Amino acid sequence: AMGSTLNAHYPPPTVIKAMYNALENMGFAKGKVIEPS
């Protein structure tokens, strides 16, 4: 836990929703999604 504090940053929901909105605008509606961190 101490070692991960440098990278433990979580974007607010407004940022995440905007990213999904961008995916929808690019035509993405279904498929396999990875979140690598």
Full PDB file with SEQRES, HELIX, SHEET, SSBOND, CRYST1, ORIGX, SCALE, CONECT and MASTER records, all heavy atoms in Angstrom:
SEQRES   1 A   37  ALA MET GLY SER THR LEU ASN ALA HIS TYR PRO PRO PRO          
SEQRES   2 A   37  THR VAL ILE LYS ALA MET TYR ASN ALA LEU GLU ASN MET          
SEQRES   3 A   37  GLY PHE ALA LYS GLY LYS VAL ILE GLU PRO SER                  
HELIX    1 AA1 THR A    5  ASN A    7  5                                   3    
HELIX    2 AA2 PRO A   13  ASN A   25  1                                  13    
CRYST1    1.000    1.000    1.000  90.00  90.00  90.00 P 1           1          
ORIGX1      1.000000  0.000000  0.000000        0.00000                         
ORIGX2      0.000000  1.000000  0.000000        0.00000                         
ORIGX3      0.000000  0.000000  1.000000        0.00000                         
SCALE1      1.000000  0.000000  0.000000        0.00000                         
SCALE2      0.000000  1.000000  0.000000        0.00000                         
SCALE3      0.000000  0.000000  1.000000        0.00000                         
ATOM      1  N   ALA A   1       0.837  -1.205   0.000  1.00  0.00           N  
ATOM      2  CA  ALA A   1       0.000   0.000   0.000  1.00  0.00           C  
ATOM      3  C   ALA A   1       0.869   1.251   0.000  1.00  0.00           C  
ATOM      4  O   ALA A   1       0.599   2.206  -0.732  1.00  0.00           O  
ATOM      5  CB  ALA A   1      -0.926  -0.015   1.209  1.00  0.00           C  
ATOM      6  N   MET A   2       1.921   1.252   0.793  1.00  0.00           N  
ATOM      7  CA  MET A   2       2.826   2.405   0.830  1.00  0.00           C  
ATOM      8  C   MET A   2       3.510   2.591  -0.526  1.00  0.00           C  
ATOM      9  O   MET A   2       3.675   3.714  -0.991  1.00  0.00           O  
ATOM     10  CB  MET A   2       3.872   2.240   1.930  1.00  0.00           C  
ATOM     11  CG  MET A   2       3.292   2.347   3.333  1.00  0.00           C  
ATOM     12  SD  MET A   2       2.523   3.941   3.662  1.00  0.00           S  
ATOM     13  CE  MET A   2       3.939   5.009   3.607  1.00  0.00           C  
ATOM     14  N   GLY A   3       3.880   1.489  -1.157  1.00  0.00           N  
ATOM     15  CA  GLY A   3       4.552   1.556  -2.447  1.00  0.00           C  
ATOM     16  C   GLY A   3       3.646   2.008  -3.574  1.00  0.00           C  
ATOM     17  O   GLY A   3       4.105   2.523  -4.590  1.00  0.00           O  
ATOM     18  N   SER A   4       2.346   1.832  -3.416  1.00  0.00           N  
ATOM     19  CA  SER A   4       1.422   2.184  -4.493  1.00  0.00           C  
ATOM     20  C   SER A   4       0.884   3.603  -4.375  1.00  0.00           C  
ATOM     21  O   SER A   4       0.191   4.081  -5.273  1.00  0.00           O  
ATOM     22  CB  SER A   4       0.263   1.191  -4.543  1.00  0.00           C  
ATOM     23  OG  SER A   4      -0.608   1.386  -3.453  1.00  0.00           O  
ATOM     24  N   THR A   5       1.192   4.307  -3.294  1.00  0.00           N  
ATOM     25  CA  THR A   5       0.617   5.640  -3.112  1.00  0.00           C  
ATOM     26  C   THR A   5       1.045   6.621  -4.194  1.00  0.00           C  
ATOM     27  O   THR A   5       0.299   7.535  -4.524  1.00  0.00           O  
ATOM     28  CB  THR A   5       0.962   6.227  -1.725  1.00  0.00           C  
ATOM     29  OG1 THR A   5       2.381   6.267  -1.582  1.00  0.00           O  
ATOM     30  CG2 THR A   5       0.335   5.417  -0.614  1.00  0.00           C  
ATOM     31  N   LEU A   6       2.221   6.426  -4.776  1.00  0.00           N  
ATOM     32  CA  LEU A   6       2.686   7.307  -5.841  1.00  0.00           C  
ATOM     33  C   LEU A   6       1.727   7.303  -7.027  1.00  0.00           C  
ATOM     34  O   LEU A   6       1.526   8.312  -7.686  1.00  0.00           O  
ATOM     35  CB  LEU A   6       4.093   6.906  -6.295  1.00  0.00           C  
ATOM     36  CG  LEU A   6       4.708   7.691  -7.439  1.00  0.00           C  
ATOM     37  CD1 LEU A   6       4.938   9.139  -7.032  1.00  0.00           C  
ATOM     38  CD2 LEU A   6       6.021   7.050  -7.862  1.00  0.00           C  
ATOM     39  N   ASN A   7       1.119   6.145  -7.296  1.00  0.00           N  
ATOM     40  CA  ASN A   7       0.271   6.006  -8.476  1.00  0.00           C  
ATOM     41  C   ASN A   7      -1.207   5.824  -8.152  1.00  0.00           C  
ATOM     42  O   ASN A   7      -1.985   5.496  -9.035  1.00  0.00           O  
ATOM     43  CB  ASN A   7       0.757   4.824  -9.321  1.00  0.00           C  
ATOM     44  CG  ASN A   7       2.084   5.125  -9.955  1.00  0.00           C  
ATOM     45  OD1 ASN A   7       2.260   6.182 -10.541  1.00  0.00           O  
ATOM     46  ND2 ASN A   7       3.030   4.230  -9.800  1.00  0.00           N  
ATOM     47  N   ALA A   8      -1.598   5.998  -6.924  1.00  0.00           N  
ATOM     48  CA  ALA A   8      -2.994   5.785  -6.539  1.00  0.00           C  
ATOM     49  C   ALA A   8      -3.801   7.060  -6.750  1.00  0.00           C  
ATOM     50  O   ALA A   8      -4.176   7.750  -5.816  1.00  0.00           O  
ATOM     51  CB  ALA A   8      -3.069   5.311  -5.094  1.00  0.00           C  
ATOM     52  N   HIS A   9      -4.064   7.367  -8.008  1.00  0.00           N  
ATOM     53  CA  HIS A   9      -4.841   8.546  -8.368  1.00  0.00           C  
ATOM     54  C   HIS A   9      -6.042   8.087  -9.184  1.00  0.00           C  
ATOM     55  O   HIS A   9      -5.904   7.333 -10.133  1.00  0.00           O  
ATOM     56  CB  HIS A   9      -4.002   9.523  -9.195  1.00  0.00           C  
ATOM     57  CG  HIS A   9      -2.750   9.951  -8.496  1.00  0.00           C  
ATOM     58  ND1 HIS A   9      -2.740  10.881  -7.501  1.00  0.00           N  
ATOM     59  CD2 HIS A   9      -1.468   9.542  -8.649  1.00  0.00           C  
ATOM     60  CE1 HIS A   9      -1.509  11.046  -7.072  1.00  0.00           C  
ATOM     61  NE2 HIS A   9      -0.714  10.243  -7.746  1.00  0.00           N  
ATOM     62  N   TYR A  10      -7.209   8.551  -8.799  1.00  0.00           N  
ATOM     63  CA  TYR A  10      -8.427   8.128  -9.456  1.00  0.00           C  
ATOM     64  C   TYR A  10      -9.118   9.337 -10.076  1.00  0.00           C  
ATOM     65  O   TYR A  10      -9.444  10.290  -9.375  1.00  0.00           O  
ATOM     66  CB  TYR A  10      -9.356   7.435  -8.451  1.00  0.00           C  
ATOM     67  CG  TYR A  10      -8.705   6.234  -7.811  1.00  0.00           C  
ATOM     68  CD1 TYR A  10      -8.080   6.320  -6.576  1.00  0.00           C  
ATOM     69  CD2 TYR A  10      -8.691   5.016  -8.472  1.00  0.00           C  
ATOM     70  CE1 TYR A  10      -7.468   5.217  -6.001  1.00  0.00           C  
ATOM     71  CE2 TYR A  10      -8.089   3.908  -7.911  1.00  0.00           C  
ATOM     72  CZ  TYR A  10      -7.481   4.012  -6.668  1.00  0.00           C  
ATOM     73  OH  TYR A  10      -6.876   2.925  -6.121  1.00  0.00           O  
ATOM     74  N   PRO A  11      -9.352   9.300 -11.391  1.00  0.00           N  
ATOM     75  CA  PRO A  11     -10.024  10.446 -12.024  1.00  0.00           C  
ATOM     76  C   PRO A  11     -11.468  10.550 -11.543  1.00  0.00           C  
ATOM     77  O   PRO A  11     -12.098   9.543 -11.227  1.00  0.00           O  
ATOM     78  CB  PRO A  11      -9.952  10.137 -13.515  1.00  0.00           C  
ATOM     79  CG  PRO A  11      -9.609   8.709 -13.627  1.00  0.00           C  
ATOM     80  CD  PRO A  11      -9.001   8.269 -12.343  1.00  0.00           C  
ATOM     81  N   PRO A  12     -12.004  11.764 -11.513  1.00  0.00           N  
ATOM     82  CA  PRO A  12     -13.398  11.930 -11.091  1.00  0.00           C  
ATOM     83  C   PRO A  12     -14.356  11.342 -12.127  1.00  0.00           C  
ATOM     84  O   PRO A  12     -14.008  11.198 -13.312  1.00  0.00           O  
ATOM     85  CB  PRO A  12     -13.560  13.448 -10.989  1.00  0.00           C  
ATOM     86  CG  PRO A  12     -12.482  14.025 -11.829  1.00  0.00           C  
ATOM     87  CD  PRO A  12     -11.356  13.029 -11.837  1.00  0.00           C  
ATOM     88  N   PRO A  13     -15.566  11.009 -11.694  1.00  0.00           N  
ATOM     89  CA  PRO A  13     -16.556  10.433 -12.621  1.00  0.00           C  
ATOM     90  C   PRO A  13     -16.795  11.275 -13.863  1.00  0.00           C  
ATOM     91  O   PRO A  13     -17.041  10.715 -14.940  1.00  0.00           O  
ATOM     92  CB  PRO A  13     -17.826  10.329 -11.760  1.00  0.00           C  
ATOM     93  CG  PRO A  13     -17.309  10.189 -10.367  1.00  0.00           C  
ATOM     94  CD  PRO A  13     -16.064  11.044 -10.320  1.00  0.00           C  
ATOM     95  N   THR A  14     -16.721  12.591 -13.770  1.00  0.00           N  
ATOM     96  CA  THR A  14     -16.959  13.421 -14.953  1.00  0.00           C  
ATOM     97  C   THR A  14     -15.924  13.138 -16.040  1.00  0.00           C  
ATOM     98  O   THR A  14     -16.260  13.142 -17.229  1.00  0.00           O  
ATOM     99  CB  THR A  14     -16.939  14.924 -14.600  1.00  0.00           C  
ATOM    100  OG1 THR A  14     -15.732  15.228 -13.910  1.00  0.00           O  
ATOM    101  CG2 THR A  14     -18.124  15.310 -13.747  1.00  0.00           C  
ATOM    102  N   VAL A  15     -14.686  12.877 -15.657  1.00  0.00           N  
ATOM    103  CA  VAL A  15     -13.633  12.556 -16.635  1.00  0.00           C  
ATOM    104  C   VAL A  15     -13.906  11.190 -17.259  1.00  0.00           C  
ATOM    105  O   VAL A  15     -13.835  11.014 -18.481  1.00  0.00           O  
ATOM    106  CB  VAL A  15     -12.239  12.607 -15.979  1.00  0.00           C  
ATOM    107  CG1 VAL A  15     -11.170  12.058 -16.911  1.00  0.00           C  
ATOM    108  CG2 VAL A  15     -11.901  14.030 -15.548  1.00  0.00           C  
ATOM    109  N   ILE A  16     -14.224  10.224 -16.435  1.00  0.00           N  
ATOM    110  CA  ILE A  16     -14.486   8.866 -16.930  1.00  0.00           C  
ATOM    111  C   ILE A  16     -15.684   8.862 -17.873  1.00  0.00           C  
ATOM    112  O   ILE A  16     -15.644   8.269 -18.961  1.00  0.00           O  
ATOM    113  CB  ILE A  16     -14.691   7.898 -15.750  1.00  0.00           C  
ATOM    114  CG1 ILE A  16     -13.402   7.806 -14.919  1.00  0.00           C  
ATOM    115  CG2 ILE A  16     -15.112   6.516 -16.250  1.00  0.00           C  
ATOM    116  CD1 ILE A  16     -13.573   7.084 -13.590  1.00  0.00           C  
ATOM    117  N   LYS A  17     -16.757   9.542 -17.480  1.00  0.00           N  
ATOM    118  CA  LYS A  17     -17.953   9.610 -18.335  1.00  0.00           C  
ATOM    119  C   LYS A  17     -17.647  10.302 -19.664  1.00  0.00           C  
ATOM    120  O   LYS A  17     -18.148   9.888 -20.720  1.00  0.00           O  
ATOM    121  CB  LYS A  17     -19.086  10.329 -17.598  1.00  0.00           C  
ATOM    122  CG  LYS A  17     -19.663   9.509 -16.459  1.00  0.00           C  
ATOM    123  CD  LYS A  17     -20.718  10.297 -15.695  1.00  0.00           C  
ATOM    124  CE  LYS A  17     -21.243   9.500 -14.523  1.00  0.00           C  
ATOM    125  NZ  LYS A  17     -22.217  10.269 -13.723  1.00  0.00           N  
ATOM    126  N   ALA A  18     -16.823  11.332 -19.625  1.00  0.00           N  
ATOM    127  CA  ALA A  18     -16.439  12.019 -20.865  1.00  0.00           C  
ATOM    128  C   ALA A  18     -15.642  11.082 -21.772  1.00  0.00           C  
ATOM    129  O   ALA A  18     -15.805  11.116 -23.001  1.00  0.00           O  
ATOM    130  CB  ALA A  18     -15.631  13.274 -20.550  1.00  0.00           C  
ATOM    131  N   MET A  19     -14.806  10.250 -21.185  1.00  0.00           N  
ATOM    132  CA  MET A  19     -14.035   9.299 -21.996  1.00  0.00           C  
ATOM    133  C   MET A  19     -14.964   8.278 -22.653  1.00  0.00           C  
ATOM    134  O   MET A  19     -14.802   7.950 -23.832  1.00  0.00           O  
ATOM    135  CB  MET A  19     -12.963   8.632 -21.140  1.00  0.00           C  
ATOM    136  CG  MET A  19     -11.864   9.605 -20.715  1.00  0.00           C  
ATOM    137  SD  MET A  19     -10.724   8.947 -19.494  1.00  0.00           S  
ATOM    138  CE  MET A  19      -9.787   7.774 -20.492  1.00  0.00           C  
ATOM    139  N   TYR A  20     -15.937   7.779 -21.914  1.00  0.00           N  
ATOM    140  CA  TYR A  20     -16.905   6.847 -22.514  1.00  0.00           C  
ATOM    141  C   TYR A  20     -17.756   7.541 -23.572  1.00  0.00           C  
ATOM    142  O   TYR A  20     -18.089   6.937 -24.598  1.00  0.00           O  
ATOM    143  CB  TYR A  20     -17.789   6.204 -21.443  1.00  0.00           C  
ATOM    144  CG  TYR A  20     -17.121   5.028 -20.766  1.00  0.00           C  
ATOM    145  CD1 TYR A  20     -16.861   5.041 -19.408  1.00  0.00           C  
ATOM    146  CD2 TYR A  20     -16.749   3.895 -21.493  1.00  0.00           C  
ATOM    147  CE1 TYR A  20     -16.246   3.962 -18.782  1.00  0.00           C  
ATOM    148  CE2 TYR A  20     -16.135   2.817 -20.881  1.00  0.00           C  
ATOM    149  CZ  TYR A  20     -15.891   2.855 -19.519  1.00  0.00           C  
ATOM    150  OH  TYR A  20     -15.276   1.786 -18.920  1.00  0.00           O  
ATOM    151  N   ASN A  21     -18.093   8.790 -23.342  1.00  0.00           N  
ATOM    152  CA  ASN A  21     -18.837   9.552 -24.340  1.00  0.00           C  
ATOM    153  C   ASN A  21     -18.022   9.655 -25.633  1.00  0.00           C  
ATOM    154  O   ASN A  21     -18.564   9.522 -26.738  1.00  0.00           O  
ATOM    155  CB  ASN A  21     -19.186  10.937 -23.788  1.00  0.00           C  
ATOM    156  CG  ASN A  21     -20.140  11.690 -24.680  1.00  0.00           C  
ATOM    157  OD1 ASN A  21     -21.024  11.095 -25.297  1.00  0.00           O  
ATOM    158  ND2 ASN A  21     -19.990  13.000 -24.742  1.00  0.00           N  
ATOM    159  N   ALA A  22     -16.719   9.883 -25.482  1.00  0.00           N  
ATOM    160  CA  ALA A  22     -15.847   9.938 -26.665  1.00  0.00           C  
ATOM    161  C   ALA A  22     -15.827   8.586 -27.384  1.00  0.00           C  
ATOM    162  O   ALA A  22     -15.877   8.539 -28.621  1.00  0.00           O  
ATOM    163  CB  ALA A  22     -14.438  10.350 -26.260  1.00  0.00           C  
ATOM    164  N   LEU A  23     -15.776   7.499 -26.626  1.00  0.00           N  
ATOM    165  CA  LEU A  23     -15.813   6.168 -27.253  1.00  0.00           C  
ATOM    166  C   LEU A  23     -17.108   5.978 -28.036  1.00  0.00           C  
ATOM    167  O   LEU A  23     -17.104   5.460 -29.160  1.00  0.00           O  
ATOM    168  CB  LEU A  23     -15.684   5.064 -26.205  1.00  0.00           C  
ATOM    169  CG  LEU A  23     -14.333   4.898 -25.519  1.00  0.00           C  
ATOM    170  CD1 LEU A  23     -14.408   3.792 -24.471  1.00  0.00           C  
ATOM    171  CD2 LEU A  23     -13.236   4.598 -26.517  1.00  0.00           C  
ATOM    172  N   GLU A  24     -18.223   6.383 -27.439  1.00  0.00           N  
ATOM    173  CA  GLU A  24     -19.512   6.278 -28.128  1.00  0.00           C  
ATOM    174  C   GLU A  24     -19.518   7.116 -29.403  1.00  0.00           C  
ATOM    175  O   GLU A  24     -20.006   6.659 -30.447  1.00  0.00           O  
ATOM    176  CB  GLU A  24     -20.650   6.719 -27.207  1.00  0.00           C  
ATOM    177  CG  GLU A  24     -20.934   5.732 -26.099  1.00  0.00           C  
ATOM    178  CD  GLU A  24     -22.018   6.198 -25.154  1.00  0.00           C  
ATOM    179  OE1 GLU A  24     -21.948   7.362 -24.683  1.00  0.00           O  
ATOM    180  OE2 GLU A  24     -22.937   5.390 -24.883  1.00  0.00           O  
ATOM    181  N   ASN A  25     -18.943   8.318 -29.332  1.00  0.00           N  
ATOM    182  CA  ASN A  25     -18.869   9.178 -30.518  1.00  0.00           C  
ATOM    183  C   ASN A  25     -18.000   8.568 -31.607  1.00  0.00           C  
ATOM    184  O   ASN A  25     -18.171   8.899 -32.787  1.00  0.00           O  
ATOM    185  CB  ASN A  25     -18.355  10.570 -30.137  1.00  0.00           C  
ATOM    186  CG  ASN A  25     -19.367  11.365 -29.348  1.00  0.00           C  
ATOM    187  OD1 ASN A  25     -20.560  11.085 -29.379  1.00  0.00           O  
ATOM    188  ND2 ASN A  25     -18.885  12.358 -28.609  1.00  0.00           N  
ATOM    189  N   MET A  26     -17.070   7.703 -31.231  1.00  0.00           N  
ATOM    190  CA  MET A  26     -16.229   7.009 -32.211  1.00  0.00           C  
ATOM    191  C   MET A  26     -16.884   5.732 -32.718  1.00  0.00           C  
ATOM    192  O   MET A  26     -16.300   5.009 -33.523  1.00  0.00           O  
ATOM    193  CB  MET A  26     -14.868   6.682 -31.591  1.00  0.00           C  
ATOM    194  CG  MET A  26     -13.996   7.884 -31.387  1.00  0.00           C  
ATOM    195  SD  MET A  26     -12.371   7.374 -30.777  1.00  0.00           S  
ATOM    196  CE  MET A  26     -12.323   8.229 -29.230  1.00  0.00           C  
ATOM    197  N   GLY A  27     -18.079   5.437 -32.239  1.00  0.00           N  
ATOM    198  CA  GLY A  27     -18.817   4.281 -32.729  1.00  0.00           C  
ATOM    199  C   GLY A  27     -18.653   3.022 -31.904  1.00  0.00           C  
ATOM    200  O   GLY A  27     -19.161   1.964 -32.276  1.00  0.00           O  
ATOM    201  N   PHE A  28     -17.977   3.101 -30.771  1.00  0.00           N  
ATOM    202  CA  PHE A  28     -17.808   1.901 -29.942  1.00  0.00           C  
ATOM    203  C   PHE A  28     -19.072   1.654 -29.136  1.00  0.00           C  
ATOM    204  O   PHE A  28     -19.541   2.522 -28.409  1.00  0.00           O  
ATOM    205  CB  PHE A  28     -16.608   2.040 -29.002  1.00  0.00           C  
ATOM    206  CG  PHE A  28     -16.412   0.829 -28.131  1.00  0.00           C  
ATOM    207  CD1 PHE A  28     -15.886  -0.333 -28.663  1.00  0.00           C  
ATOM    208  CD2 PHE A  28     -16.786   0.844 -26.799  1.00  0.00           C  
ATOM    209  CE1 PHE A  28     -15.722  -1.470 -27.875  1.00  0.00           C  
ATOM    210  CE2 PHE A  28     -16.624  -0.270 -26.003  1.00  0.00           C  
ATOM    211  CZ  PHE A  28     -16.095  -1.432 -26.536  1.00  0.00           C  
ATOM    212  N   ALA A  29     -19.628   0.431 -29.266  1.00  0.00           N  
ATOM    213  CA  ALA A  29     -20.830   0.065 -28.528  1.00  0.00           C  
ATOM    214  C   ALA A  29     -20.701  -1.280 -27.838  1.00  0.00           C  
ATOM    215  O   ALA A  29     -21.405  -1.555 -26.864  1.00  0.00           O  
ATOM    216  CB  ALA A  29     -22.036   0.042 -29.463  1.00  0.00           C  
ATOM    217  N   LYS A  30     -19.816  -2.139 -28.344  1.00  0.00           N  
ATOM    218  CA  LYS A  30     -19.645  -3.457 -27.727  1.00  0.00           C  
ATOM    219  C   LYS A  30     -18.260  -3.996 -28.041  1.00  0.00           C  
ATOM    220  O   LYS A  30     -17.641  -3.630 -29.049  1.00  0.00           O  
ATOM    221  CB  LYS A  30     -20.718  -4.438 -28.202  1.00  0.00           C  
ATOM    222  CG  LYS A  30     -20.643  -4.796 -29.673  1.00  0.00           C  
ATOM    223  CD  LYS A  30     -21.714  -5.796 -30.034  1.00  0.00           C  
ATOM    224  CE  LYS A  30     -21.611  -6.125 -31.520  1.00  0.00           C  
ATOM    225  NZ  LYS A  30     -22.549  -7.163 -31.902  1.00  0.00           N  
ATOM    226  N   GLY A  31     -17.785  -4.867 -27.160  1.00  0.00           N  
ATOM    227  CA  GLY A  31     -16.489  -5.495 -27.384  1.00  0.00           C  
ATOM    228  C   GLY A  31     -15.748  -5.762 -26.085  1.00  0.00           C  
ATOM    229  O   GLY A  31     -16.288  -5.633 -24.988  1.00  0.00           O  
ATOM    230  N   LYS A  32     -14.496  -6.116 -26.250  1.00  0.00           N  
ATOM    231  CA  LYS A  32     -13.632  -6.459 -25.117  1.00  0.00           C  
ATOM    232  C   LYS A  32     -12.833  -5.235 -24.691  1.00  0.00           C  
ATOM    233  O   LYS A  32     -12.175  -4.607 -25.513  1.00  0.00           O  
ATOM    234  CB  LYS A  32     -12.706  -7.603 -25.499  1.00  0.00           C  
ATOM    235  CG  LYS A  32     -13.442  -8.911 -25.765  1.00  0.00           C  
ATOM    236  CD  LYS A  32     -12.500 -10.008 -26.220  1.00  0.00           C  
ATOM    237  CE  LYS A  32     -11.607 -10.417 -25.072  1.00  0.00           C  
ATOM    238  NZ  LYS A  32     -10.721 -11.540 -25.425  1.00  0.00           N  
ATOM    239  N   VAL A  33     -12.913  -4.932 -23.398  1.00  0.00           N  
ATOM    240  CA  VAL A  33     -12.277  -3.740 -22.844  1.00  0.00           C  
ATOM    241  C   VAL A  33     -11.296  -4.145 -21.758  1.00  0.00           C  
ATOM    242  O   VAL A  33     -11.613  -4.974 -20.904  1.00  0.00           O  
ATOM    243  CB  VAL A  33     -13.344  -2.791 -22.245  1.00  0.00           C  
ATOM    244  CG1 VAL A  33     -12.692  -1.599 -21.558  1.00  0.00           C  
ATOM    245  CG2 VAL A  33     -14.310  -2.322 -23.330  1.00  0.00           C  
ATOM    246  N   ILE A  34     -10.107  -3.563 -21.795  1.00  0.00           N  
ATOM    247  CA  ILE A  34      -9.122  -3.784 -20.738  1.00  0.00           C  
ATOM    248  C   ILE A  34      -8.789  -2.465 -20.056  1.00  0.00           C  
ATOM    249  O   ILE A  34      -8.679  -1.432 -20.717  1.00  0.00           O  
ATOM    250  CB  ILE A  34      -7.832  -4.451 -21.254  1.00  0.00           C  
ATOM    251  CG1 ILE A  34      -6.892  -4.733 -20.070  1.00  0.00           C  
ATOM    252  CG2 ILE A  34      -7.152  -3.620 -22.335  1.00  0.00           C  
ATOM    253  CD1 ILE A  34      -5.732  -5.642 -20.382  1.00  0.00           C  
ATOM    254  N   GLU A  35      -8.678  -2.545 -18.743  1.00  0.00           N  
ATOM    255  CA  GLU A  35      -8.139  -1.435 -17.970  1.00  0.00           C  
ATOM    256  C   GLU A  35      -6.870  -1.962 -17.313  1.00  0.00           C  
ATOM    257  O   GLU A  35      -6.925  -2.751 -16.370  1.00  0.00           O  
ATOM    258  CB  GLU A  35      -9.132  -0.928 -16.922  1.00  0.00           C  
ATOM    259  CG  GLU A  35      -8.603   0.326 -16.263  1.00  0.00           C  
ATOM    260  CD  GLU A  35      -9.516   0.902 -15.197  1.00  0.00           C  
ATOM    261  OE1 GLU A  35     -10.620   0.386 -14.988  1.00  0.00           O  
ATOM    262  OE2 GLU A  35      -9.075   1.884 -14.569  1.00  0.00           O  
ATOM    263  N   PRO A  36      -5.698  -1.556 -17.819  1.00  0.00           N  
ATOM    264  CA  PRO A  36      -4.442  -2.170 -17.382  1.00  0.00           C  
ATOM    265  C   PRO A  36      -3.929  -1.736 -16.010  1.00  0.00           C  
ATOM    266  O   PRO A  36      -2.955  -2.284 -15.525  1.00  0.00           O  
ATOM    267  CB  PRO A  36      -3.454  -1.767 -18.472  1.00  0.00           C  
ATOM    268  CG  PRO A  36      -4.014  -0.545 -19.070  1.00  0.00           C  
ATOM    269  CD  PRO A  36      -5.498  -0.649 -18.939  1.00  0.00           C  
ATOM    270  N   SER A  37      -4.570  -0.792 -15.386  1.00  0.00           N  
ATOM    271  CA  SER A  37      -4.224  -0.353 -14.026  1.00  0.00           C  
ATOM    272  C   SER A  37      -5.538   0.039 -13.370  1.00  0.00           C  
ATOM    273  O   SER A  37      -5.822   1.207 -13.146  1.00  0.00           O  
ATOM    274  CB  SER A  37      -3.243   0.823 -14.082  1.00  0.00           C  
ATOM    275  OG  SER A  37      -2.883   1.225 -12.793  1.00  0.00           O  
TER     276      SER A  37                                                      
MASTER        0    0    0    2    0    0    0    6  275    1    0    3          
END                                                                             
